[in-house]
């Protein structure tokens, strides 16, 4: 198994998207950010903060994406449950979101 940043990112993102492990990964990330033990110690001026900034950016982007997806799903569910459709709208087309995957 090759070690790469992409494989770690994919594992982290998939763990966050799994409802069973989501809160454990978020809690572990926050504990890592608050912990004095790092992969790159913070005593080094710029290099020490790189892993913290990267992890915080990844956490915020993924959690905000999950919140937005949940909000959109809830908004879509509420509009279909209430039966509120605009007058004159006869379109039955739906949008399907697909994650792109690069093949090497």
N, C-alpha and C. Protein backbone atom coordinates (compact mmCIF):
# COMPACT_ATOMS: atom_id res chain seq x y z
N UNK A 1 0.84 -1.18 0.00
CA UNK A 1 0.00 0.00 0.00
C UNK A 1 0.89 1.24 0.00
N UNK A 2 0.66 2.11 -0.94
CA UNK A 2 1.46 3.32 -1.04
C UNK A 2 0.91 4.39 -0.10
N UNK A 3 1.83 5.10 0.51
CA UNK A 3 1.46 6.21 1.40
C UNK A 3 1.43 7.49 0.58
N UNK A 4 0.31 8.17 0.62
CA UNK A 4 0.22 9.44 -0.09
C UNK A 4 -0.77 10.36 0.62
N UNK A 5 -0.62 11.63 0.35
CA UNK A 5 -1.53 12.62 0.93
C UNK A 5 -2.95 12.39 0.41
N UNK A 6 -3.07 12.01 -0.86
CA UNK A 6 -4.40 11.77 -1.45
C UNK A 6 -5.12 10.62 -0.75
N UNK A 7 -4.40 9.56 -0.39
CA UNK A 7 -5.04 8.44 0.29
C UNK A 7 -5.50 8.84 1.70
N UNK A 8 -4.71 9.66 2.38
CA UNK A 8 -5.11 10.14 3.71
C UNK A 8 -6.33 11.04 3.59
N UNK A 9 -6.32 11.93 2.60
CA UNK A 9 -7.47 12.82 2.38
C UNK A 9 -8.72 12.01 2.07
N UNK A 10 -8.61 11.02 1.22
CA UNK A 10 -9.77 10.18 0.86
C UNK A 10 -10.29 9.44 2.08
N UNK A 11 -9.40 8.88 2.89
CA UNK A 11 -9.81 8.18 4.10
C UNK A 11 -10.52 9.13 5.06
N UNK A 12 -9.96 10.33 5.25
CA UNK A 12 -10.53 11.31 6.17
C UNK A 12 -11.92 11.74 5.69
N UNK A 13 -12.05 12.04 4.40
CA UNK A 13 -13.32 12.48 3.85
C UNK A 13 -14.37 11.37 3.95
N UNK A 14 -13.99 10.14 3.64
CA UNK A 14 -14.94 9.03 3.73
C UNK A 14 -15.34 8.76 5.18
N UNK A 15 -14.41 8.92 6.11
CA UNK A 15 -14.74 8.73 7.53
C UNK A 15 -15.72 9.80 8.01
N UNK A 16 -15.54 11.04 7.53
CA UNK A 16 -16.47 12.10 7.92
C UNK A 16 -17.85 11.88 7.32
N UNK A 17 -17.92 11.30 6.15
CA UNK A 17 -19.21 11.08 5.50
C UNK A 17 -19.93 9.85 6.03
N UNK A 18 -19.24 9.01 6.77
CA UNK A 18 -19.86 7.83 7.37
C UNK A 18 -20.51 8.25 8.69
N UNK A 19 -21.82 8.16 8.80
CA UNK A 19 -22.51 8.62 10.03
C UNK A 19 -22.05 7.89 11.29
N UNK A 20 -21.55 6.67 11.15
CA UNK A 20 -21.12 5.89 12.30
C UNK A 20 -19.86 6.48 12.94
N UNK A 21 -18.96 7.02 12.13
CA UNK A 21 -17.68 7.52 12.62
C UNK A 21 -17.56 9.04 12.62
N UNK A 22 -18.54 9.73 12.09
CA UNK A 22 -18.44 11.18 11.88
C UNK A 22 -18.05 11.94 13.14
N UNK A 23 -18.75 11.74 14.23
CA UNK A 23 -18.49 12.52 15.44
C UNK A 23 -17.16 12.14 16.08
N UNK A 24 -16.75 10.88 15.92
CA UNK A 24 -15.44 10.47 16.43
C UNK A 24 -14.31 11.15 15.67
N UNK A 25 -14.46 11.26 14.36
CA UNK A 25 -13.43 11.91 13.55
C UNK A 25 -13.37 13.40 13.86
N UNK A 26 -14.52 14.04 14.00
CA UNK A 26 -14.55 15.47 14.34
C UNK A 26 -13.92 15.69 15.71
N UNK A 27 -14.28 14.88 16.70
CA UNK A 27 -13.71 15.00 18.04
C UNK A 27 -12.21 14.74 18.01
N UNK A 28 -11.77 13.71 17.29
CA UNK A 28 -10.34 13.41 17.18
C UNK A 28 -9.56 14.54 16.53
N UNK A 29 -10.14 15.16 15.52
CA UNK A 29 -9.49 16.28 14.85
C UNK A 29 -9.35 17.46 15.79
N UNK A 30 -10.39 17.77 16.53
CA UNK A 30 -10.32 18.89 17.48
C UNK A 30 -9.33 18.62 18.60
N UNK A 31 -9.26 17.37 19.07
CA UNK A 31 -8.29 17.02 20.11
C UNK A 31 -6.88 17.14 19.55
N UNK A 32 -6.66 16.71 18.31
CA UNK A 32 -5.34 16.82 17.68
C UNK A 32 -4.92 18.29 17.55
N UNK A 33 -5.88 19.14 17.16
CA UNK A 33 -5.56 20.56 17.01
C UNK A 33 -5.21 21.21 18.35
N UNK A 34 -5.84 20.77 19.43
CA UNK A 34 -5.59 21.34 20.75
C UNK A 34 -4.39 20.70 21.44
N UNK A 35 -3.99 19.53 20.97
CA UNK A 35 -2.91 18.78 21.61
C UNK A 35 -1.54 19.38 21.31
N UNK A 36 -0.64 19.34 22.28
CA UNK A 36 0.73 19.82 22.01
C UNK A 36 1.54 18.82 21.19
N UNK A 37 1.05 17.60 21.04
CA UNK A 37 1.75 16.58 20.26
C UNK A 37 1.26 16.65 18.81
N UNK A 38 2.16 16.95 17.89
CA UNK A 38 1.81 17.10 16.47
C UNK A 38 2.78 16.30 15.62
N UNK A 39 2.40 16.11 14.36
CA UNK A 39 3.34 15.52 13.40
C UNK A 39 4.50 16.48 13.16
N UNK A 40 4.18 17.76 13.02
CA UNK A 40 5.18 18.81 12.88
C UNK A 40 5.02 19.73 14.09
N UNK A 41 5.96 19.70 15.03
CA UNK A 41 5.81 20.50 16.25
C UNK A 41 5.63 21.99 15.96
N UNK A 42 4.83 22.64 16.79
CA UNK A 42 4.50 24.04 16.58
C UNK A 42 5.64 24.99 16.97
N UNK A 43 6.73 24.46 17.51
CA UNK A 43 7.84 25.34 17.88
C UNK A 43 8.59 25.84 16.66
N UNK A 44 8.43 25.15 15.52
CA UNK A 44 9.02 25.63 14.28
C UNK A 44 8.09 26.70 13.71
N UNK A 45 8.60 27.88 13.38
CA UNK A 45 7.76 29.04 13.06
C UNK A 45 6.65 28.82 12.03
N UNK A 46 6.95 28.41 10.84
CA UNK A 46 5.90 28.29 9.81
C UNK A 46 5.53 26.84 9.57
N UNK A 47 6.52 25.99 9.53
CA UNK A 47 6.30 24.58 9.23
C UNK A 47 5.42 23.92 10.29
N UNK A 48 5.53 24.36 11.54
CA UNK A 48 4.75 23.76 12.62
C UNK A 48 3.26 23.99 12.51
N UNK A 49 2.86 25.06 11.86
CA UNK A 49 1.44 25.35 11.74
C UNK A 49 0.82 24.77 10.47
N UNK A 50 1.63 24.27 9.55
CA UNK A 50 1.11 23.78 8.27
C UNK A 50 0.13 22.63 8.48
N UNK A 51 0.49 21.62 9.29
CA UNK A 51 -0.41 20.49 9.48
C UNK A 51 -1.70 20.92 10.19
N UNK A 52 -1.59 21.85 11.14
CA UNK A 52 -2.79 22.32 11.84
C UNK A 52 -3.72 23.09 10.90
N UNK A 53 -3.17 23.97 10.09
CA UNK A 53 -3.99 24.75 9.15
C UNK A 53 -4.62 23.84 8.10
N UNK A 54 -3.85 22.88 7.60
CA UNK A 54 -4.38 21.94 6.61
C UNK A 54 -5.53 21.14 7.19
N UNK A 55 -5.35 20.60 8.39
CA UNK A 55 -6.38 19.79 9.02
C UNK A 55 -7.61 20.62 9.37
N UNK A 56 -7.42 21.82 9.86
CA UNK A 56 -8.55 22.69 10.18
C UNK A 56 -9.32 23.08 8.92
N UNK A 57 -8.60 23.38 7.84
CA UNK A 57 -9.25 23.71 6.58
C UNK A 57 -10.06 22.53 6.05
N UNK A 58 -9.47 21.36 6.11
CA UNK A 58 -10.16 20.15 5.65
C UNK A 58 -11.40 19.88 6.49
N UNK A 59 -11.28 20.02 7.81
CA UNK A 59 -12.43 19.79 8.70
C UNK A 59 -13.55 20.77 8.42
N UNK A 60 -13.23 22.05 8.32
CA UNK A 60 -14.27 23.07 8.09
C UNK A 60 -14.93 22.87 6.74
N UNK A 61 -14.16 22.58 5.70
CA UNK A 61 -14.75 22.43 4.37
C UNK A 61 -15.66 21.20 4.30
N UNK A 62 -15.24 20.10 4.87
CA UNK A 62 -16.05 18.88 4.82
C UNK A 62 -17.30 18.99 5.69
N UNK A 63 -17.16 19.53 6.89
CA UNK A 63 -18.33 19.66 7.77
C UNK A 63 -19.32 20.66 7.20
N UNK A 64 -18.83 21.77 6.64
CA UNK A 64 -19.76 22.72 6.03
C UNK A 64 -20.44 22.11 4.82
N UNK A 65 -19.73 21.31 4.06
CA UNK A 65 -20.36 20.61 2.93
C UNK A 65 -21.44 19.66 3.39
N UNK A 66 -21.19 18.93 4.48
CA UNK A 66 -22.20 18.03 5.03
C UNK A 66 -23.43 18.79 5.52
N UNK A 67 -23.19 19.93 6.16
CA UNK A 67 -24.30 20.74 6.67
C UNK A 67 -25.13 21.27 5.50
N UNK A 68 -24.48 21.75 4.47
CA UNK A 68 -25.20 22.27 3.30
C UNK A 68 -25.99 21.17 2.60
N UNK A 69 -25.39 19.98 2.45
CA UNK A 69 -26.11 18.86 1.83
C UNK A 69 -27.32 18.47 2.66
N UNK A 70 -27.15 18.43 3.98
CA UNK A 70 -28.28 18.10 4.85
C UNK A 70 -29.37 19.15 4.79
N UNK A 71 -28.97 20.40 4.72
CA UNK A 71 -29.94 21.48 4.62
C UNK A 71 -30.71 21.40 3.31
N UNK A 72 -30.01 21.14 2.22
CA UNK A 72 -30.67 21.02 0.92
C UNK A 72 -31.60 19.82 0.89
N UNK A 73 -31.17 18.71 1.49
CA UNK A 73 -32.03 17.52 1.52
C UNK A 73 -33.27 17.78 2.36
N UNK A 74 -33.10 18.44 3.49
CA UNK A 74 -34.24 18.75 4.35
C UNK A 74 -35.19 19.71 3.65
N UNK A 75 -34.63 20.71 2.97
CA UNK A 75 -35.46 21.68 2.25
C UNK A 75 -36.23 20.99 1.14
N UNK A 76 -35.59 20.07 0.44
CA UNK A 76 -36.26 19.32 -0.62
C UNK A 76 -37.33 18.40 -0.07
N UNK A 77 -37.07 17.77 1.08
CA UNK A 77 -38.04 16.88 1.69
C UNK A 77 -39.25 17.66 2.18
N UNK A 78 -39.05 18.83 2.75
CA UNK A 78 -40.17 19.61 3.25
C UNK A 78 -41.06 20.10 2.11
N UNK A 79 -40.46 20.49 0.98
CA UNK A 79 -41.29 20.98 -0.12
C UNK A 79 -42.07 19.86 -0.77
N UNK A 80 -41.55 18.63 -0.80
CA UNK A 80 -42.30 17.54 -1.40
C UNK A 80 -43.34 17.00 -0.44
N UNK A 81 -43.06 17.05 0.87
CA UNK A 81 -44.05 16.58 1.84
C UNK A 81 -45.27 17.50 1.87
N UNK A 82 -45.05 18.78 1.78
CA UNK A 82 -46.15 19.73 1.85
C UNK A 82 -46.94 19.76 0.56
N UNK A 83 -46.36 19.25 -0.52
CA UNK A 83 -47.05 19.27 -1.80
C UNK A 83 -47.06 20.64 -2.43
N UNK A 84 -46.17 21.50 -2.04
CA UNK A 84 -46.09 22.85 -2.59
C UNK A 84 -45.34 22.82 -3.91
N UNK A 85 -46.06 22.96 -4.99
CA UNK A 85 -45.42 23.07 -6.29
C UNK A 85 -45.91 24.35 -6.93
N UNK A 86 -45.03 25.06 -7.61
CA UNK A 86 -45.46 26.29 -8.26
C UNK A 86 -46.52 26.01 -9.32
N UNK A 87 -47.46 26.93 -9.45
CA UNK A 87 -48.51 26.75 -10.45
C UNK A 87 -47.91 26.78 -11.84
N UNK A 88 -48.43 25.91 -12.71
CA UNK A 88 -47.95 25.87 -14.08
C UNK A 88 -46.68 25.04 -14.22
N UNK A 89 -46.18 24.49 -13.13
CA UNK A 89 -44.96 23.70 -13.18
C UNK A 89 -45.33 22.24 -13.38
N UNK A 90 -45.02 21.71 -14.55
CA UNK A 90 -45.33 20.31 -14.83
C UNK A 90 -44.06 19.49 -15.04
N UNK A 91 -42.92 20.08 -14.79
CA UNK A 91 -41.65 19.39 -14.99
C UNK A 91 -41.45 18.33 -13.91
N UNK A 92 -41.06 17.12 -14.31
CA UNK A 92 -40.79 16.06 -13.37
C UNK A 92 -39.30 15.72 -13.34
N UNK A 93 -38.50 16.55 -13.99
CA UNK A 93 -37.06 16.30 -14.03
C UNK A 93 -36.46 16.54 -12.66
N UNK A 94 -35.47 15.73 -12.32
CA UNK A 94 -34.77 15.91 -11.05
C UNK A 94 -33.28 16.01 -11.33
N UNK A 95 -32.59 16.61 -10.41
CA UNK A 95 -31.16 16.79 -10.55
C UNK A 95 -30.44 15.72 -9.74
N UNK A 96 -29.41 15.15 -10.32
CA UNK A 96 -28.61 14.14 -9.64
C UNK A 96 -27.20 14.68 -9.50
N UNK A 97 -26.73 14.77 -8.25
CA UNK A 97 -25.37 15.23 -7.99
C UNK A 97 -24.44 14.02 -7.99
N UNK A 98 -23.32 14.15 -8.68
CA UNK A 98 -22.36 13.06 -8.78
C UNK A 98 -20.99 13.60 -8.43
N UNK A 99 -20.27 12.86 -7.59
CA UNK A 99 -18.88 13.22 -7.26
C UNK A 99 -17.98 12.73 -8.38
N UNK A 100 -17.12 13.60 -8.87
CA UNK A 100 -16.18 13.22 -9.92
C UNK A 100 -15.00 12.48 -9.32
N UNK A 101 -14.54 11.47 -10.01
CA UNK A 101 -13.41 10.68 -9.57
C UNK A 101 -12.39 10.64 -10.70
N UNK A 102 -11.15 10.98 -10.39
CA UNK A 102 -10.14 10.92 -11.43
C UNK A 102 -9.52 9.54 -11.46
N UNK A 103 -9.33 9.02 -12.63
CA UNK A 103 -8.75 7.69 -12.82
C UNK A 103 -7.36 7.87 -13.39
N UNK A 104 -6.39 7.27 -12.72
CA UNK A 104 -5.00 7.42 -13.15
C UNK A 104 -4.50 6.17 -13.80
